Amino acid sequence: MHTVAVLALDGVVPFDLSAPIDTFGWARLPDGREPYQVKVCSAGPPGQEVRSGAFTVRAPYGLELLAEADTIILPGVAAPTDPLPPGVARALCAAAAGGTRIASVCVGAFLFAATGLLDGLRATTHWLAAADLAARYPKVEVDPNVLYVDNGQFLTSAGAAAALDLCLHMIRRDHGSAVAAHTARMSVMPLEREGGQAQFIVHDLPPAPAGATLEPLLDWLEGHCERDLALDEIAARAGMSTRTLNRRFREQTGTTPLQWLHRARVRRAQHLLETTEYPVERIASQAGFGSPTAFRERFRRVAGTSPQGYRRAFRSGRGS
């Protein structure tokens, strides 16, 4: 039987801890046998109490379990940038050297990266923490747009529910699609979710510093993003040449006028998809895209899914 060791460090996120326990626990082979044995361990001695949000859990095993495991899961913790407890990095590296598969959930990627095992590899984490992970561990190639990354022996997943996507992926890799599909039904989860983590990212418009000269122009652009605005017209509105406009935009927002405008249009389209029943063609027009085709291409590039896929995921009830 394949042993899955879930490492519960102090402050472990409850969902990150329970999702792999339940998902691997629900898996069944065609003859009804359980393919996985899931065990929880901590950095302390067996029976160590570990804080987990509003409650504590008692981990039956210590770090010695990692040497016996076929798969190790690293859930996120409340303070993921804190130093690893003594012995954790050494135990994980020793397990990795022996060929053990290691996977992180959400900000558990910080714990994983702290061992050095992710150096030179692509990885992901919760989109909100991706920039921090990339800054702290520049040798790791952080992709904030995907639900999980599979490097073979080492895997990482995005936040919260992406733990289910990752576990289902590993089960399918181990035992095939039929076993994974049954586990997905038990989890009330699709085996494959449309789009990646990109659809959940809040794409804030690059701000201009308070009192910046472009502030009135940015307000005007956001209010008129449905119009077919050329760079010359935007520059004329700002009372400057296109060259000066581009320079000021770079200085004050870090992007170009047209890139800023595209992002504003996608934000408007997201709002309309969430709150109205308008057809895609009408939303494309009201958000300022030249055609439904251009809208779909730009939207997928930014959100990682189609407008209809985004609407199914985020529709908030009957709109106006």
C-alpha atoms as a PDB file:
ATOM      1  CA  MET A   1       0.000   0.000   0.000  1.00  0.00           C
ATOM      2  CA  HIS A   2       1.239   3.469  -0.961  1.00  0.00           C
ATOM      3  CA  THR A   3       1.914   5.557   2.174  1.00  0.00           C
ATOM      4  CA  VAL A   4       1.050   9.265   2.042  1.00  0.00           C
ATOM      5  CA  ALA A   5       2.611  11.289   4.857  1.00  0.00           C
ATOM      6  CA  VAL A   6       1.000  14.667   5.540  1.00  0.00           C
ATOM      7  CA  LEU A   7       3.370  16.938   7.479  1.00  0.00           C
ATOM      8  CA  ALA A   8       1.447  19.128   9.935  1.00  0.00           C
ATOM      9  CA  LEU A   9       3.626  21.948  11.213  1.00  0.00           C
ATOM     10  CA  ASP A  10       2.498  24.430  13.845  1.00  0.00           C
ATOM     11  CA  GLY A  11      -0.175  26.759  12.432  1.00  0.00           C
ATOM     12  CA  VAL A  12      -1.120  24.327   9.653  1.00  0.00           C
ATOM     13  CA  VAL A  13      -4.048  25.557   7.536  1.00  0.00           C
ATOM     14  CA  PRO A  14      -7.027  23.256   8.322  1.00  0.00           C
ATOM     15  CA  PHE A  15      -8.242  22.877   4.730  1.00  0.00           C
ATOM     16  CA  ASP A  16      -4.727  22.249   3.417  1.00  0.00           C
ATOM     17  CA  LEU A  17      -4.346  19.517   6.039  1.00  0.00           C
ATOM     18  CA  SER A  18      -7.706  17.813   5.518  1.00  0.00           C
ATOM     19  CA  ALA A  19      -8.038  17.981   1.720  1.00  0.00           C
ATOM     20  CA  PRO A  20      -5.267  15.464   0.922  1.00  0.00           C
ATOM     21  CA  ILE A  21      -6.276  13.253   3.854  1.00  0.00           C
ATOM     22  CA  ASP A  22      -9.828  12.943   2.544  1.00  0.00           C
ATOM     23  CA  THR A  23      -9.025  12.841  -1.178  1.00  0.00           C
ATOM     24  CA  PHE A  24      -6.470  10.036  -0.943  1.00  0.00           C
ATOM     25  CA  GLY A  25      -8.706   8.346   1.630  1.00  0.00           C
ATOM     26  CA  TRP A  26     -11.664   8.262  -0.807  1.00  0.00           C
ATOM     27  CA  ALA A  27      -9.679   6.546  -3.575  1.00  0.00           C
ATOM     28  CA  ARG A  28     -10.652   2.943  -4.345  1.00  0.00           C
ATOM     29  CA  LEU A  29      -9.232   0.469  -6.831  1.00  0.00           C
ATOM     30  CA  PRO A  30     -11.648  -1.395  -9.164  1.00  0.00           C
ATOM     31  CA  ASP A  31     -11.704  -4.366  -6.766  1.00  0.00           C
ATOM     32  CA  GLY A  32     -12.608  -2.089  -3.854  1.00  0.00           C
ATOM     33  CA  ARG A  33      -9.201  -2.040  -2.166  1.00  0.00           C
ATOM     34  CA  GLU A  34      -7.783   1.191  -0.741  1.00  0.00           C
ATOM     35  CA  PRO A  35      -4.614   2.131  -2.652  1.00  0.00           C
ATOM     36  CA  TYR A  36      -3.368   4.685  -0.119  1.00  0.00           C
ATOM     37  CA  GLN A  37      -2.600   4.710   3.582  1.00  0.00           C
ATOM     38  CA  VAL A  38      -2.611   8.310   4.844  1.00  0.00           C
ATOM     39  CA  LYS A  39      -0.694   9.236   7.990  1.00  0.00           C
ATOM     40  CA  VAL A  40      -0.163  12.604   9.694  1.00  0.00           C
ATOM     41  CA  CYS A  41       3.161  13.531  11.247  1.00  0.00           C
ATOM     42  CA  SER A  42       4.650  16.600  12.912  1.00  0.00           C
ATOM     43  CA  ALA A  43       8.093  18.032  13.567  1.00  0.00           C
ATOM     44  CA  GLY A  44       7.908  16.913  17.183  1.00  0.00           C
ATOM     45  CA  PRO A  45       7.689  13.519  18.875  1.00  0.00           C
ATOM     46  CA  PRO A  46       4.747  11.153  18.119  1.00  0.00           C
ATOM     47  CA  GLY A  47       1.548  12.483  19.660  1.00  0.00           C
ATOM     48  CA  GLN A  48       2.707  16.100  19.369  1.00  0.00           C
ATOM     49  CA  GLU A  49      -0.145  18.632  19.475  1.00  0.00           C
ATOM     50  CA  VAL A  50      -0.173  21.041  16.541  1.00  0.00           C
ATOM     51  CA  ARG A  51      -2.142  24.286  16.300  1.00  0.00           C
ATOM     52  CA  SER A  52      -4.464  24.360  13.284  1.00  0.00           C
ATOM     53  CA  GLY A  53      -6.565  27.499  13.125  1.00  0.00           C
ATOM     54  CA  ALA A  54      -9.348  27.391  15.702  1.00  0.00           C
ATOM     55  CA  PHE A  55      -8.355  23.963  17.064  1.00  0.00           C
ATOM     56  CA  THR A  56      -5.404  21.679  17.703  1.00  0.00           C
ATOM     57  CA  VAL A  57      -4.637  18.273  16.242  1.00  0.00           C
ATOM     58  CA  ARG A  58      -2.522  15.463  17.632  1.00  0.00           C
ATOM     59  CA  ALA A  59      -0.133  14.009  15.045  1.00  0.00           C
ATOM     60  CA  PRO A  60       0.458  10.281  15.675  1.00  0.00           C
ATOM     61  CA  TYR A  61       3.888  10.271  14.007  1.00  0.00           C
ATOM     62  CA  GLY A  62       7.112  12.267  14.047  1.00  0.00           C
ATOM     63  CA  LEU A  63       9.559  13.099  11.268  1.00  0.00           C
ATOM     64  CA  GLU A  64      10.723   9.492  11.091  1.00  0.00           C
ATOM     65  CA  LEU A  65       7.573   8.788   9.062  1.00  0.00           C
ATOM     66  CA  LEU A  66       8.975  10.798   6.134  1.00  0.00           C
ATOM     67  CA  ALA A  67      11.678   8.162   5.559  1.00  0.00           C
ATOM     68  CA  GLU A  68       8.970   5.495   5.113  1.00  0.00           C
ATOM     69  CA  ALA A  69       6.569   7.483   2.928  1.00  0.00           C
ATOM     70  CA  ASP A  70       6.013   7.073  -0.810  1.00  0.00           C
ATOM     71  CA  THR A  71       4.452  10.544  -1.042  1.00  0.00           C
ATOM     72  CA  ILE A  72       4.873  13.534   1.295  1.00  0.00           C
ATOM     73  CA  ILE A  73       2.348  16.383   1.364  1.00  0.00           C
ATOM     74  CA  LEU A  74       3.343  19.823   2.687  1.00  0.00           C
ATOM     75  CA  PRO A  75       0.210  21.809   3.662  1.00  0.00           C
ATOM     76  CA  GLY A  76       0.398  25.571   4.082  1.00  0.00           C
ATOM     77  CA  VAL A  77       0.866  27.201   7.466  1.00  0.00           C
ATOM     78  CA  ALA A  78      -0.244  30.507   8.961  1.00  0.00           C
ATOM     79  CA  ALA A  79       3.297  31.940   8.890  1.00  0.00           C
ATOM     80  CA  PRO A  80       4.888  30.330   5.816  1.00  0.00           C
ATOM     81  CA  THR A  81       7.946  32.592   5.796  1.00  0.00           C
ATOM     82  CA  ASP A  82       9.069  31.555   9.279  1.00  0.00           C
ATOM     83  CA  PRO A  83      12.161  29.295   9.433  1.00  0.00           C
ATOM     84  CA  LEU A  84      11.496  25.562   9.178  1.00  0.00           C
ATOM     85  CA  PRO A  85      11.548  23.698  12.510  1.00  0.00           C
ATOM     86  CA  PRO A  86      14.802  21.847  13.239  1.00  0.00           C
ATOM     87  CA  GLY A  87      15.208  18.638  11.272  1.00  0.00           C
ATOM     88  CA  VAL A  88      12.435  19.268   8.739  1.00  0.00           C
ATOM     89  CA  ALA A  89      14.590  20.352   5.787  1.00  0.00           C
ATOM     90  CA  ARG A  90      17.078  17.536   6.424  1.00  0.00           C
ATOM     91  CA  ALA A  91      14.292  14.918   6.586  1.00  0.00           C
ATOM     92  CA  LEU A  92      12.651  16.201   3.402  1.00  0.00           C
ATOM     93  CA  CYS A  93      15.922  16.303   1.482  1.00  0.00           C
ATOM     94  CA  ALA A  94      16.784  12.781   2.627  1.00  0.00           C
ATOM     95  CA  ALA A  95      13.368  11.535   1.499  1.00  0.00           C
ATOM     96  CA  ALA A  96      13.782  13.298  -1.842  1.00  0.00           C
ATOM     97  CA  ALA A  97      17.194  11.711  -2.337  1.00  0.00           C
ATOM     98  CA  GLY A  98      15.523   8.331  -1.883  1.00  0.00           C
ATOM     99  CA  GLY A  99      13.011   9.088  -4.636  1.00  0.00           C
ATOM    100  CA  THR A 100      10.004  10.025  -2.480  1.00  0.00           C
ATOM    101  CA  ARG A 101       7.395  12.148  -4.234  1.00  0.00           C
ATOM    102  CA  ILE A 102       6.838  15.501  -2.475  1.00  0.00           C
ATOM    103  CA  ALA A 103       3.942  17.894  -3.095  1.00  0.00           C
ATOM    104  CA  SER A 104       2.960  21.200  -1.502  1.00  0.00           C
ATOM    105  CA  VAL A 105      -0.455  22.754  -1.035  1.00  0.00           C
ATOM    106  CA  CYS A 106      -0.975  26.523  -1.313  1.00  0.00           C
ATOM    107  CA  VAL A 107       1.675  28.432   0.688  1.00  0.00           C
ATOM    108  CA  GLY A 108       3.235  25.114   1.609  1.00  0.00           C
ATOM    109  CA  ALA A 109       5.365  26.005  -1.430  1.00  0.00           C
ATOM    110  CA  PHE A 110       7.327  28.351   0.884  1.00  0.00           C
ATOM    111  CA  LEU A 111       8.227  25.385   3.096  1.00  0.00           C
ATOM    112  CA  PHE A 112       9.158  23.369   0.020  1.00  0.00           C
ATOM    113  CA  ALA A 113      11.277  26.164  -1.463  1.00  0.00           C
ATOM    114  CA  ALA A 114      13.098  26.653   1.854  1.00  0.00           C
ATOM    115  CA  THR A 115      14.634  23.176   1.451  1.00  0.00           C
ATOM    116  CA  GLY A 116      16.247  24.143  -1.869  1.00  0.00           C
ATOM    117  CA  LEU A 117      14.501  21.241  -3.622  1.00  0.00           C
ATOM    118  CA  LEU A 118      12.561  23.570  -5.930  1.00  0.00           C
ATOM    119  CA  ASP A 119      15.638  25.463  -7.161  1.00  0.00           C
ATOM    120  CA  GLY A 120      15.649  25.580 -10.959  1.00  0.00           C
ATOM    121  CA  LEU A 121      12.111  24.222 -11.158  1.00  0.00           C
ATOM    122  CA  ARG A 122       8.726  25.709 -12.056  1.00  0.00           C
ATOM    123  CA  ALA A 123       6.299  25.984  -9.138  1.00  0.00           C
ATOM    124  CA  THR A 124       3.070  27.635  -8.099  1.00  0.00           C
ATOM    125  CA  THR A 125       1.307  28.800  -4.940  1.00  0.00           C
ATOM    126  CA  HIS A 126      -1.723  30.911  -4.055  1.00  0.00           C
ATOM    127  CA  TRP A 127      -1.796  33.798  -6.545  1.00  0.00           C
ATOM    128  CA  LEU A 128      -1.807  36.327  -3.711  1.00  0.00           C
ATOM    129  CA  ALA A 129       1.507  34.953  -2.389  1.00  0.00           C
ATOM    130  CA  ALA A 130       3.195  34.272  -5.728  1.00  0.00           C
ATOM    131  CA  ALA A 131       5.155  37.530  -5.932  1.00  0.00           C
ATOM    132  CA  ASP A 132       6.498  37.029  -2.401  1.00  0.00           C
ATOM    133  CA  LEU A 133       7.542  33.454  -3.173  1.00  0.00           C
ATOM    134  CA  ALA A 134       9.355  34.606  -6.324  1.00  0.00           C
ATOM    135  CA  ALA A 135      11.122  37.408  -4.440  1.00  0.00           C
ATOM    136  CA  ARG A 136      12.250  35.184  -1.568  1.00  0.00           C
ATOM    137  CA  TYR A 137      13.337  32.284  -3.758  1.00  0.00           C
ATOM    138  CA  PRO A 138      14.606  33.724  -7.060  1.00  0.00           C
ATOM    139  CA  LYS A 139      15.939  30.320  -8.178  1.00  0.00           C
ATOM    140  CA  VAL A 140      12.341  29.055  -8.346  1.00  0.00           C
ATOM    141  CA  GLU A 141      10.317  29.838 -11.492  1.00  0.00           C
ATOM    142  CA  VAL A 142       6.949  30.865  -9.994  1.00  0.00           C
ATOM    143  CA  ASP A 143       3.852  30.573 -12.211  1.00  0.00           C
ATOM    144  CA  PRO A 144       0.836  32.221 -10.509  1.00  0.00           C
ATOM    145  CA  ASN A 145      -1.631  31.291 -13.272  1.00  0.00           C
ATOM    146  CA  VAL A 146      -1.972  27.515 -12.915  1.00  0.00           C
ATOM    147  CA  LEU A 147      -3.750  25.219 -10.456  1.00  0.00           C
ATOM    148  CA  TYR A 148      -0.749  22.927 -10.027  1.00  0.00           C
ATOM    149  CA  VAL A 149       2.689  22.178 -11.444  1.00  0.00           C
ATOM    150  CA  ASP A 150       3.977  18.622 -11.909  1.00  0.00           C
ATOM    151  CA  ASN A 151       7.760  18.305 -12.205  1.00  0.00           C
ATOM    152  CA  GLY A 152       7.640  14.546 -11.830  1.00  0.00           C
ATOM    153  CA  GLN A 153       8.991  13.929  -8.344  1.00  0.00           C
ATOM    154  CA  PHE A 154       8.125  17.395  -7.034  1.00  0.00           C
ATOM    155  CA  LEU A 155       4.677  18.999  -7.351  1.00  0.00           C
ATOM    156  CA  THR A 156       3.143  22.262  -6.123  1.00  0.00           C
ATOM    157  CA  SER A 157      -0.435  23.530  -6.093  1.00  0.00           C
ATOM    158  CA  ALA A 158      -2.282  26.810  -5.817  1.00  0.00           C
ATOM    159  CA  GLY A 159      -4.536  27.855  -2.952  1.00  0.00           C
ATOM    160  CA  ALA A 160      -7.321  26.032  -1.122  1.00  0.00           C
ATOM    161  CA  ALA A 161      -9.432  23.961  -3.552  1.00  0.00           C
ATOM    162  CA  ALA A 162      -6.441  23.461  -5.864  1.00  0.00           C
ATOM    163  CA  ALA A 163      -5.299  20.870  -3.308  1.00  0.00           C
ATOM    164  CA  LEU A 164      -8.112  18.676  -4.633  1.00  0.00           C
ATOM    165  CA  ASP A 165      -6.990  19.217  -8.231  1.00  0.00           C
ATOM    166  CA  LEU A 166      -3.442  18.244  -7.290  1.00  0.00           C
ATOM    167  CA  CYS A 167      -4.444  15.109  -5.366  1.00  0.00           C
ATOM    168  CA  LEU A 168      -6.771  13.944  -8.144  1.00  0.00           C
ATOM    169  CA  HIS A 169      -3.950  14.468 -10.622  1.00  0.00           C
ATOM    170  CA  MET A 170      -1.588  12.320  -8.538  1.00  0.00           C
ATOM    171  CA  ILE A 171      -4.233   9.603  -8.155  1.00  0.00           C
ATOM    172  CA  ARG A 172      -4.792   9.566 -11.919  1.00  0.00           C
ATOM    173  CA  ARG A 173      -1.023   9.386 -12.457  1.00  0.00           C
ATOM    174  CA  ASP A 174      -0.782   6.458 -10.028  1.00  0.00           C
ATOM    175  CA  HIS A 175      -3.887   4.432 -10.935  1.00  0.00           C
ATOM    176  CA  GLY A 176      -5.465   5.826 -14.085  1.00  0.00           C
ATOM    177  CA  SER A 177      -8.467   7.941 -14.991  1.00  0.00           C
ATOM    178  CA  ALA A 178     -11.168   5.532 -13.798  1.00  0.00           C
ATOM    179  CA  VAL A 179      -9.899   5.494 -10.200  1.00  0.00           C
ATOM    180  CA  ALA A 180      -9.351   9.258 -10.277  1.00  0.00           C
ATOM    181  CA  ALA A 181     -12.839   9.887 -11.724  1.00  0.00           C
ATOM    182  CA  HIS A 182     -14.431   7.836  -8.927  1.00  0.00           C
ATOM    183  CA  THR A 183     -12.444   9.804  -6.350  1.00  0.00           C
ATOM    184  CA  ALA A 184     -13.526  13.063  -8.011  1.00  0.00           C
ATOM    185  CA  ARG A 185     -17.175  12.041  -7.725  1.00  0.00           C
ATOM    186  CA  MET A 186     -16.677  11.255  -4.046  1.00  0.00           C
ATOM    187  CA  SER A 187     -15.077  14.704  -3.660  1.00  0.00           C
ATOM    188  CA  VAL A 188     -17.925  16.341  -5.613  1.00  0.00           C
ATOM    189  CA  MET A 189     -15.250  17.813  -7.860  1.00  0.00           C
ATOM    190  CA  PRO A 190     -14.716  17.764 -11.627  1.00  0.00           C
ATOM    191  CA  LEU A 191     -11.725  15.661 -12.590  1.00  0.00           C
ATOM    192  CA  GLU A 192     -10.561  18.560 -14.782  1.00  0.00           C
ATOM    193  CA  ARG A 193     -11.465  22.186 -14.045  1.00  0.00           C
ATOM    194  CA  GLU A 194     -11.677  24.582 -16.960  1.00  0.00           C
ATOM    195  CA  GLY A 195      -8.979  27.229 -16.861  1.00  0.00           C
ATOM    196  CA  GLY A 196      -6.288  27.669 -14.267  1.00  0.00           C
ATOM    197  CA  GLN A 197      -5.694  29.894 -11.279  1.00  0.00           C
ATOM    198  CA  ALA A 198      -5.547  32.924 -13.583  1.00  0.00           C
ATOM    199  CA  GLN A 199      -9.334  33.217 -13.568  1.00  0.00           C
ATOM    200  CA  PHE A 200      -9.309  33.851  -9.808  1.00  0.00           C
ATOM    201  CA  ILE A 201      -6.668  36.573  -9.810  1.00  0.00           C
ATOM    202  CA  VAL A 202      -7.915  40.073  -9.065  1.00  0.00           C
ATOM    203  CA  HIS A 203      -6.290  42.165 -11.794  1.00  0.00           C
ATOM    204  CA  ASP A 204      -5.993  45.557 -10.160  1.00  0.00           C
ATOM    205  CA  LEU A 205      -5.280  48.454 -12.478  1.00  0.00           C
ATOM    206  CA  PRO A 206      -1.736  49.776 -12.017  1.00  0.00           C
ATOM    207  CA  PRO A 207      -2.216  52.809  -9.746  1.00  0.00           C
ATOM    208  CA  ALA A 208      -0.696  56.219 -10.201  1.00  0.00           C
ATOM    209  CA  PRO A 209       0.761  57.847  -7.089  1.00  0.00           C
ATOM    210  CA  ALA A 210      -1.615  60.225  -5.331  1.00  0.00           C
ATOM    211  CA  GLY A 211      -1.392  63.618  -6.964  1.00  0.00           C
ATOM    212  CA  ALA A 212       0.330  62.240 -10.068  1.00  0.00           C
ATOM    213  CA  THR A 213      -0.217  64.145 -13.277  1.00  0.00           C
ATOM    214  CA  LEU A 214      -1.907  61.161 -14.938  1.00  0.00           C
ATOM    215  CA  GLU A 215      -4.541  60.647 -12.240  1.00  0.00           C
ATOM    216  CA  PRO A 216      -7.322  62.592 -14.075  1.00  0.00           C
ATOM    217  CA  LEU A 217      -6.481  60.823 -17.333  1.00  0.00           C
ATOM    218  CA  LEU A 218      -6.677  57.372 -15.730  1.00  0.00           C
ATOM    219  CA  ASP A 219     -10.103  58.171 -14.292  1.00  0.00           C
ATOM    220  CA  TRP A 220     -11.239  59.317 -17.738  1.00  0.00           C
ATOM    221  CA  LEU A 221      -9.852  56.198 -19.436  1.00  0.00           C
ATOM    222  CA  GLU A 222     -11.582  53.860 -17.013  1.00  0.00           C
ATOM    223  CA  GLY A 223     -14.878  55.681 -17.560  1.00  0.00           C
ATOM    224  CA  HIS A 224     -14.552  55.581 -21.365  1.00  0.00           C
ATOM    225  CA  CYS A 225     -12.807  52.248 -21.932  1.00  0.00           C
ATOM    226  CA  GLU A 226     -15.718  51.059 -24.110  1.00  0.00           C
ATOM    227  CA  ARG A 227     -14.691  53.565 -26.800  1.00  0.00           C
ATOM    228  CA  ASP A 228     -12.285  52.777 -29.636  1.00  0.00           C
ATOM    229  CA  LEU A 229      -9.495  54.926 -28.234  1.00  0.00           C
ATOM    230  CA  ALA A 230      -6.333  55.426 -30.253  1.00  0.00           C
ATOM    231  CA  LEU A 231      -3.044  56.502 -28.697  1.00  0.00           C
ATOM    232  CA  ASP A 232      -3.240  59.897 -30.477  1.00  0.00           C
ATOM    233  CA  GLU A 233      -6.639  60.630 -28.904  1.00  0.00           C
ATOM    234  CA  ILE A 234      -5.442  59.630 -25.436  1.00  0.00           C
ATOM    235  CA  ALA A 235      -2.376  61.849 -25.831  1.00  0.00           C
ATOM    236  CA  ALA A 236      -4.545  64.767 -26.998  1.00  0.00           C
ATOM    237  CA  ARG A 237      -6.807  64.290 -23.968  1.00  0.00           C
ATOM    238  CA  ALA A 238      -3.716  64.447 -21.744  1.00  0.00           C
ATOM    239  CA  GLY A 239      -2.409  67.502 -23.589  1.00  0.00           C
ATOM    240  CA  MET A 240       0.927  65.958 -24.480  1.00  0.00           C
ATOM    241  CA  SER A 241       2.663  64.150 -27.342  1.00  0.00           C
ATOM    242  CA  THR A 242       2.369  60.387 -27.692  1.00  0.00           C
ATOM    243  CA  ARG A 243       6.051  60.043 -26.858  1.00  0.00           C
ATOM    244  CA  THR A 244       5.669  62.060 -23.662  1.00  0.00           C
ATOM    245  CA  LEU A 245       2.480  60.157 -22.787  1.00  0.00           C
ATOM    246  CA  ASN A 246       4.229  56.797 -23.107  1.00  0.00           C
ATOM    247  CA  ARG A 247       7.117  57.999 -20.952  1.00  0.00           C
ATOM    248  CA  ARG A 248       4.821  59.395 -18.242  1.00  0.00           C
ATOM    249  CA  PHE A 249       2.756  56.189 -18.243  1.00  0.00           C
ATOM    250  CA  ARG A 250       5.857  54.072 -17.765  1.00  0.00           C
ATOM    251  CA  GLU A 251       7.055  56.318 -14.949  1.00  0.00           C
ATOM    252  CA  GLN A 252       3.742  56.499 -13.088  1.00  0.00           C
ATOM    253  CA  THR A 253       2.018  53.129 -13.773  1.00  0.00           C
ATOM    254  CA  GLY A 254       4.763  50.809 -14.991  1.00  0.00           C
ATOM    255  CA  THR A 255       2.902  49.998 -18.195  1.00  0.00           C
ATOM    256  CA  THR A 256       1.783  51.545 -21.492  1.00  0.00           C
ATOM    257  CA  PRO A 257      -1.498  53.409 -22.147  1.00  0.00           C
ATOM    258  CA  LEU A 258      -2.870  50.646 -24.377  1.00  0.00           C
ATOM    259  CA  GLN A 259      -1.886  47.854 -21.984  1.00  0.00           C
ATOM    260  CA  TRP A 260      -3.554  49.759 -19.150  1.00  0.00           C
ATOM    261  CA  LEU A 261      -6.663  50.192 -21.317  1.00  0.00           C
ATOM    262  CA  HIS A 262      -6.795  46.471 -22.191  1.00  0.00           C
ATOM    263  CA  ARG A 263      -6.705  45.591 -18.504  1.00  0.00           C
ATOM    264  CA  ALA A 264      -9.493  48.074 -17.724  1.00  0.00           C
ATOM    265  CA  ARG A 265     -11.605  46.518 -20.480  1.00  0.00           C
ATOM    266  CA  VAL A 266     -11.089  42.993 -19.147  1.00  0.00           C
ATOM    267  CA  ARG A 267     -12.094  44.171 -15.673  1.00  0.00           C
ATOM    268  CA  ARG A 268     -15.297  45.674 -17.073  1.00  0.00           C
ATOM    269  CA  ALA A 269     -16.011  42.470 -18.984  1.00  0.00           C
ATOM    270  CA  GLN A 270     -15.511  40.396 -15.817  1.00  0.00           C
ATOM    271  CA  HIS A 271     -18.014  42.593 -13.976  1.00  0.00           C
ATOM    272  CA  LEU A 272     -20.588  42.236 -16.770  1.00  0.00           C
ATOM    273  CA  LEU A 273     -20.097  38.462 -16.952  1.00  0.00           C
ATOM    274  CA  GLU A 274     -20.602  38.177 -13.188  1.00  0.00           C
ATOM    275  CA  THR A 275     -23.629  40.451 -12.871  1.00  0.00           C
ATOM    276  CA  THR A 276     -25.598  40.338 -16.147  1.00  0.00           C
ATOM    277  CA  GLU A 277     -27.053  37.860 -18.593  1.00  0.00           C
ATOM    278  CA  TYR A 278     -25.855  39.830 -21.610  1.00  0.00           C
ATOM    279  CA  PRO A 279     -24.568  37.703 -24.505  1.00  0.00           C
ATOM    280  CA  VAL A 280     -20.824  37.673 -25.114  1.00  0.00           C
ATOM    281  CA  GLU A 281     -21.222  39.829 -28.212  1.00  0.00           C
ATOM    282  CA  ARG A 282     -22.874  42.630 -26.216  1.00  0.00           C
ATOM    283  CA  ILE A 283     -20.288  42.410 -23.442  1.00  0.00           C
ATOM    284  CA  ALA A 284     -17.486  42.587 -26.015  1.00  0.00           C
ATOM    285  CA  SER A 285     -18.988  45.807 -27.360  1.00  0.00           C
ATOM    286  CA  GLN A 286     -19.698  47.370 -23.960  1.00  0.00           C
ATOM    287  CA  ALA A 287     -16.172  46.551 -22.748  1.00  0.00           C
ATOM    288  CA  GLY A 288     -14.598  48.225 -25.787  1.00  0.00           C
ATOM    289  CA  PHE A 289     -13.346  45.251 -27.781  1.00  0.00           C
ATOM    290  CA  GLY A 290     -13.469  45.551 -31.545  1.00  0.00           C
ATOM    291  CA  SER A 291     -15.040  42.135 -32.079  1.00  0.00           C
ATOM    292  CA  PRO A 292     -16.208  39.100 -30.079  1.00  0.00           C
ATOM    293  CA  THR A 293     -13.199  37.190 -31.432  1.00  0.00           C
ATOM    294  CA  ALA A 294     -10.750  39.826 -30.184  1.00  0.00           C
ATOM    295  CA  PHE A 295     -12.586  39.866 -26.849  1.00  0.00           C
ATOM    296  CA  ARG A 296     -12.371  36.080 -26.413  1.00  0.00           C
ATOM    297  CA  GLU A 297      -8.673  36.025 -27.281  1.00  0.00           C
ATOM    298  CA  ARG A 298      -7.762  38.883 -24.938  1.00  0.00           C
ATOM    299  CA  PHE A 299      -9.960  37.558 -22.133  1.00  0.00           C
ATOM    300  CA  ARG A 300      -8.454  34.065 -22.302  1.00  0.00           C
ATOM    301  CA  ARG A 301      -4.954  35.546 -22.348  1.00  0.00           C
ATOM    302  CA  VAL A 302      -5.626  37.477 -19.123  1.00  0.00           C
ATOM    303  CA  ALA A 303      -8.070  35.211 -17.247  1.00  0.00           C
ATOM    304  CA  GLY A 304      -6.874  31.821 -18.471  1.00  0.00           C
ATOM    305  CA  THR A 305     -10.374  30.713 -19.455  1.00  0.00           C
ATOM    306  CA  SER A 306     -13.133  31.630 -21.888  1.00  0.00           C
ATOM    307  CA  PRO A 307     -15.761  34.317 -21.110  1.00  0.00           C
ATOM    308  CA  GLN A 308     -18.414  31.585 -20.858  1.00  0.00           C
ATOM    309  CA  GLY A 309     -16.199  29.492 -18.589  1.00  0.00           C
ATOM    310  CA  TYR A 310     -15.613  32.512 -16.378  1.00  0.00           C
ATOM    311  CA  ARG A 311     -19.358  33.218 -16.250  1.00  0.00           C
ATOM    312  CA  ARG A 312     -20.139  29.654 -15.177  1.00  0.00           C
ATOM    313  CA  ALA A 313     -17.584  29.895 -12.395  1.00  0.00           C
ATOM    314  CA  PHE A 314     -18.443  33.368 -11.076  1.00  0.00           C
ATOM    315  CA  ARG A 315     -22.037  34.164 -12.022  1.00  0.00           C
ATOM    316  CA  SER A 316     -23.520  35.797  -8.912  1.00  0.00           C
ATOM    317  CA  GLY A 317     -27.236  35.322  -9.500  1.00  0.00           C
ATOM    318  CA  ARG A 318     -29.698  37.049 -11.774  1.00  0.00           C
ATOM    319  CA  GLY A 319     -28.363  40.285 -13.179  1.00  0.00           C
ATOM    320  CA  SER A 320     -30.018  43.365 -14.575  1.00  0.00           C
END
